[in-house]
Structure formats: structure tokens, C-alpha cells
Amino acid sequence: MKTKSENQVFTTDLRETLKSIMKSEIDKLAETLESLEPKERINIICKLMPFVFPKVDTINSKADEPVKWD
């Protein structure tokens, strides 16, 4: 059975390894997307969009309510 500090070291190592893998994949993303068929490329791009663009919220106003523009 691992001790708490051994688990923390394992978790830290795992996170660093995953960060390294993700960085490598992100660096190759453009090449990877270019190698896909257009339908697959659009599907992947659509799945990645929520991580890049903020979610748009619906704004409802009541009659005669002043509109606040930021």
C-alpha cells in the first residue's frame, strides 16, 4: 500500500507526463487536422470549439426594461 506522499509523487509525475503529452499533441494539431478528411476535421474542430470560445448565454428582457450595453 502506498503512503500519502508516494501517492502525491505519483499524481505529480502523472500530471507532468500528461501535460507533456498534451503539449506535444497541441504542437502537432495543425498537421493532424490537415491529414483528416474534411468531415472528420470539421467534427474535431466543433468538439474543440467550447475550449476556445466562451459559451454564449441567452439574454431575456422584459417589456419596458432598460437595456444595459457593456
C-alpha atoms as a PDB file:
ATOM      1  CA  MET A   1       0.000   0.000   0.000  1.00  0.00           C
ATOM      2  CA  LYS A   2       1.352   3.414  -0.959  1.00  0.00           C
ATOM      3  CA  THR A   3       1.761   6.185   1.548  1.00  0.00           C
ATOM      4  CA  LYS A   4       0.154   9.558   1.096  1.00  0.00           C
ATOM      5  CA  SER A   5       3.447  11.148  -0.014  1.00  0.00           C
ATOM      6  CA  GLU A   6       4.056   8.323  -2.511  1.00  0.00           C
ATOM      7  CA  ASN A   7       0.587   8.902  -3.963  1.00  0.00           C
ATOM      8  CA  GLN A   8       1.282  12.644  -4.210  1.00  0.00           C
ATOM      9  CA  VAL A   9       4.549  11.984  -6.046  1.00  0.00           C
ATOM     10  CA  PHE A  10       2.787   9.557  -8.386  1.00  0.00           C
ATOM     11  CA  THR A  11      -0.003  12.066  -9.037  1.00  0.00           C
ATOM     12  CA  THR A  12       2.501  14.861  -9.687  1.00  0.00           C
ATOM     13  CA  ASP A  13       4.501  12.666 -12.073  1.00  0.00           C
ATOM     14  CA  LEU A  14       1.332  11.579 -13.852  1.00  0.00           C
ATOM     15  CA  ARG A  15       0.168  15.172 -14.284  1.00  0.00           C
ATOM     16  CA  GLU A  16       3.550  16.239 -15.653  1.00  0.00           C
ATOM     17  CA  THR A  17       3.541  13.311 -18.071  1.00  0.00           C
ATOM     18  CA  LEU A  18       0.022  14.139 -19.247  1.00  0.00           C
ATOM     19  CA  LYS A  19       0.945  17.830 -19.639  1.00  0.00           C
ATOM     20  CA  SER A  20       3.907  16.824 -21.768  1.00  0.00           C
ATOM     21  CA  ILE A  21       1.752  14.570 -23.945  1.00  0.00           C
ATOM     22  CA  MET A  22      -0.895  17.285 -24.357  1.00  0.00           C
ATOM     23  CA  LYS A  23       1.702  19.907 -25.289  1.00  0.00           C
ATOM     24  CA  SER A  24       3.176  17.594 -27.894  1.00  0.00           C
ATOM     25  CA  GLU A  25      -0.258  16.878 -29.374  1.00  0.00           C
ATOM     26  CA  ILE A  26      -1.223  20.565 -29.403  1.00  0.00           C
ATOM     27  CA  ASP A  27       2.029  21.381 -31.196  1.00  0.00           C
ATOM     28  CA  LYS A  28       1.101  18.813 -33.883  1.00  0.00           C
ATOM     29  CA  LEU A  29      -2.598  19.720 -34.043  1.00  0.00           C
ATOM     30  CA  ALA A  30      -2.494  21.668 -37.314  1.00  0.00           C
ATOM     31  CA  GLU A  31      -0.675  18.827 -39.083  1.00  0.00           C
ATOM     32  CA  THR A  32      -3.019  16.253 -37.601  1.00  0.00           C
ATOM     33  CA  LEU A  33      -6.110  18.191 -38.694  1.00  0.00           C
ATOM     34  CA  GLU A  34      -4.731  18.604 -42.220  1.00  0.00           C
ATOM     35  CA  SER A  35      -4.333  14.835 -42.520  1.00  0.00           C
ATOM     36  CA  LEU A  36      -8.017  14.206 -41.760  1.00  0.00           C
ATOM     37  CA  GLU A  37     -10.885  14.034 -44.210  1.00  0.00           C
ATOM     38  CA  PRO A  38     -12.895  17.288 -44.285  1.00  0.00           C
ATOM     39  CA  LYS A  39     -15.866  15.716 -42.461  1.00  0.00           C
ATOM     40  CA  GLU A  40     -13.611  14.400 -39.666  1.00  0.00           C
ATOM     41  CA  ARG A  41     -11.744  17.716 -39.458  1.00  0.00           C
ATOM     42  CA  ILE A  42     -14.981  19.691 -39.035  1.00  0.00           C
ATOM     43  CA  ASN A  43     -16.189  17.222 -36.391  1.00  0.00           C
ATOM     44  CA  ILE A  44     -12.967  17.611 -34.366  1.00  0.00           C
ATOM     45  CA  ILE A  45     -12.966  21.400 -34.711  1.00  0.00           C
ATOM     46  CA  CYS A  46     -16.574  21.542 -33.484  1.00  0.00           C
ATOM     47  CA  LYS A  47     -15.645  19.432 -30.465  1.00  0.00           C
ATOM     48  CA  LEU A  48     -12.696  21.726 -29.662  1.00  0.00           C
ATOM     49  CA  MET A  49     -14.643  24.999 -30.028  1.00  0.00           C
ATOM     50  CA  PRO A  50     -16.054  25.023 -26.457  1.00  0.00           C
ATOM     51  CA  PHE A  51     -12.488  25.051 -25.147  1.00  0.00           C
ATOM     52  CA  VAL A  52     -11.614  28.128 -27.214  1.00  0.00           C
ATOM     53  CA  PHE A  53     -14.750  30.249 -27.350  1.00  0.00           C
ATOM     54  CA  PRO A  54     -16.880  31.274 -24.366  1.00  0.00           C
ATOM     55  CA  LYS A  55     -20.387  29.910 -24.195  1.00  0.00           C
ATOM     56  CA  VAL A  56     -22.995  32.398 -25.336  1.00  0.00           C
ATOM     57  CA  ASP A  57     -25.801  32.932 -22.850  1.00  0.00           C
ATOM     58  CA  THR A  58     -29.323  33.788 -23.860  1.00  0.00           C
ATOM     59  CA  ILE A  59     -30.463  37.140 -22.534  1.00  0.00           C
ATOM     60  CA  ASN A  60     -34.146  37.677 -21.908  1.00  0.00           C
ATOM     61  CA  SER A  61     -35.575  41.072 -21.169  1.00  0.00           C
ATOM     62  CA  LYS A  62     -38.986  42.174 -20.005  1.00  0.00           C
ATOM     63  CA  ALA A  63     -41.092  44.819 -21.689  1.00  0.00           C
ATOM     64  CA  ASP A  64     -40.046  48.383 -20.769  1.00  0.00           C
ATOM     65  CA  GLU A  65     -36.875  47.104 -19.106  1.00  0.00           C
ATOM     66  CA  PRO A  66     -33.841  49.260 -19.864  1.00  0.00           C
ATOM     67  CA  VAL A  67     -31.171  47.564 -21.929  1.00  0.00           C
ATOM     68  CA  LYS A  68     -27.673  47.606 -20.487  1.00  0.00           C
ATOM     69  CA  TRP A  69     -24.906  47.512 -23.101  1.00  0.00           C
ATOM     70  CA  ASP A  70     -21.448  46.693 -21.789  1.00  0.00           C
END
